[in-house]
Amino acid sequence: MSRDGGRKGRDGTFPFWGLIALPAGVLWGTLLGVMAGIYFGNPAIGAAIGAGLGVGIGLSLFAAALVIASIRSRI
């Protein structure tokens, strides 16, 4: 049994999904926005709206990763 009560694998590093959250959000948001824009008739506006939503979602996930990393560093 380890000194911290048997908790293995929690080393306080930043989660990988938090690192890729913002770029992945922008890429997926833009792609989905272009597809929605093609369906509704203007892909450029769809891409802009999708990228904006992707940035917002990516920042939310990045903030969640920051919270998790700070909790892990205290344990």
Protein backbone atom coordinates (compact mmCIF):
# COMPACT_ATOMS: atom_id res chain seq x y z
CA MET A 1 0.00 0.00 0.00
CA SER A 2 1.33 3.39 -0.89
CA ARG A 3 1.74 6.29 1.45
CA ASP A 4 -1.30 8.17 0.10
CA GLY A 5 -3.76 5.39 0.85
CA GLY A 6 -3.39 3.36 -2.32
CA ARG A 7 -4.20 6.03 -4.85
CA LYS A 8 -2.13 5.28 -7.91
CA GLY A 9 -2.16 7.15 -11.19
CA ARG A 10 -3.10 10.54 -9.75
CA ASP A 11 0.10 12.47 -10.16
CA GLY A 12 -1.19 16.03 -10.42
CA THR A 13 -0.56 16.43 -14.13
CA PHE A 14 -2.84 18.44 -16.37
CA PRO A 15 -5.47 16.29 -18.15
CA PHE A 16 -4.81 15.67 -21.84
CA TRP A 17 -8.44 16.38 -22.77
CA GLY A 18 -8.01 19.83 -21.27
CA LEU A 19 -5.02 20.51 -23.49
CA ILE A 20 -6.89 19.68 -26.69
CA ALA A 21 -10.26 21.15 -25.67
CA LEU A 22 -9.86 24.57 -27.29
CA PRO A 23 -8.37 23.54 -30.66
CA ALA A 24 -10.74 20.58 -30.96
CA GLY A 25 -13.71 22.79 -30.10
CA VAL A 26 -12.77 25.30 -32.78
CA LEU A 27 -12.23 22.62 -35.42
CA TRP A 28 -15.40 20.66 -34.69
CA GLY A 29 -17.46 23.82 -34.28
CA THR A 30 -16.26 25.16 -37.60
CA LEU A 31 -16.89 21.87 -39.36
CA LEU A 32 -20.39 21.51 -37.96
CA GLY A 33 -21.08 25.18 -38.65
CA VAL A 34 -20.07 24.81 -42.29
CA MET A 35 -22.36 21.80 -42.66
CA ALA A 36 -25.24 23.67 -41.06
CA GLY A 37 -24.44 26.69 -43.21
CA ILE A 38 -24.57 24.60 -46.38
CA TYR A 39 -27.94 23.28 -45.30
CA PHE A 40 -29.31 26.76 -44.58
CA GLY A 41 -27.63 28.49 -47.52
CA ASN A 42 -24.59 30.41 -46.21
CA PRO A 43 -21.55 28.35 -45.18
CA ALA A 44 -19.45 31.38 -44.18
CA ILE A 45 -21.91 32.55 -41.54
CA GLY A 46 -22.36 28.97 -40.35
CA ALA A 47 -18.59 28.56 -39.99
CA ALA A 48 -18.31 31.80 -38.00
CA ILE A 49 -21.13 30.86 -35.65
CA GLY A 50 -19.81 27.29 -35.27
CA ALA A 51 -16.29 28.49 -34.51
CA GLY A 52 -17.63 30.88 -31.89
CA LEU A 53 -19.60 28.11 -30.22
CA GLY A 54 -16.56 25.84 -30.42
CA VAL A 55 -14.40 28.41 -28.65
CA GLY A 56 -16.97 28.75 -25.88
CA ILE A 57 -17.26 25.02 -25.37
CA GLY A 58 -13.48 24.59 -25.55
CA LEU A 59 -12.92 27.27 -22.92
CA SER A 60 -15.50 25.65 -20.65
CA LEU A 61 -13.74 22.30 -20.90
CA PHE A 62 -10.36 23.96 -20.35
CA ALA A 63 -11.68 25.60 -17.19
CA ALA A 64 -12.96 22.24 -15.97
CA ALA A 65 -9.51 20.74 -16.60
CA LEU A 66 -7.93 23.54 -14.57
CA VAL A 67 -10.22 22.76 -11.65
CA ILE A 68 -9.44 19.06 -11.83
CA ALA A 69 -5.70 19.72 -12.04
CA SER A 70 -5.84 22.01 -9.02
CA ILE A 71 -7.79 19.42 -7.04
CA ARG A 72 -5.29 16.71 -7.96
CA SER A 73 -2.37 18.85 -6.85
CA ARG A 74 -3.87 19.21 -3.36
CA ILE A 75 -4.43 15.51 -2.79
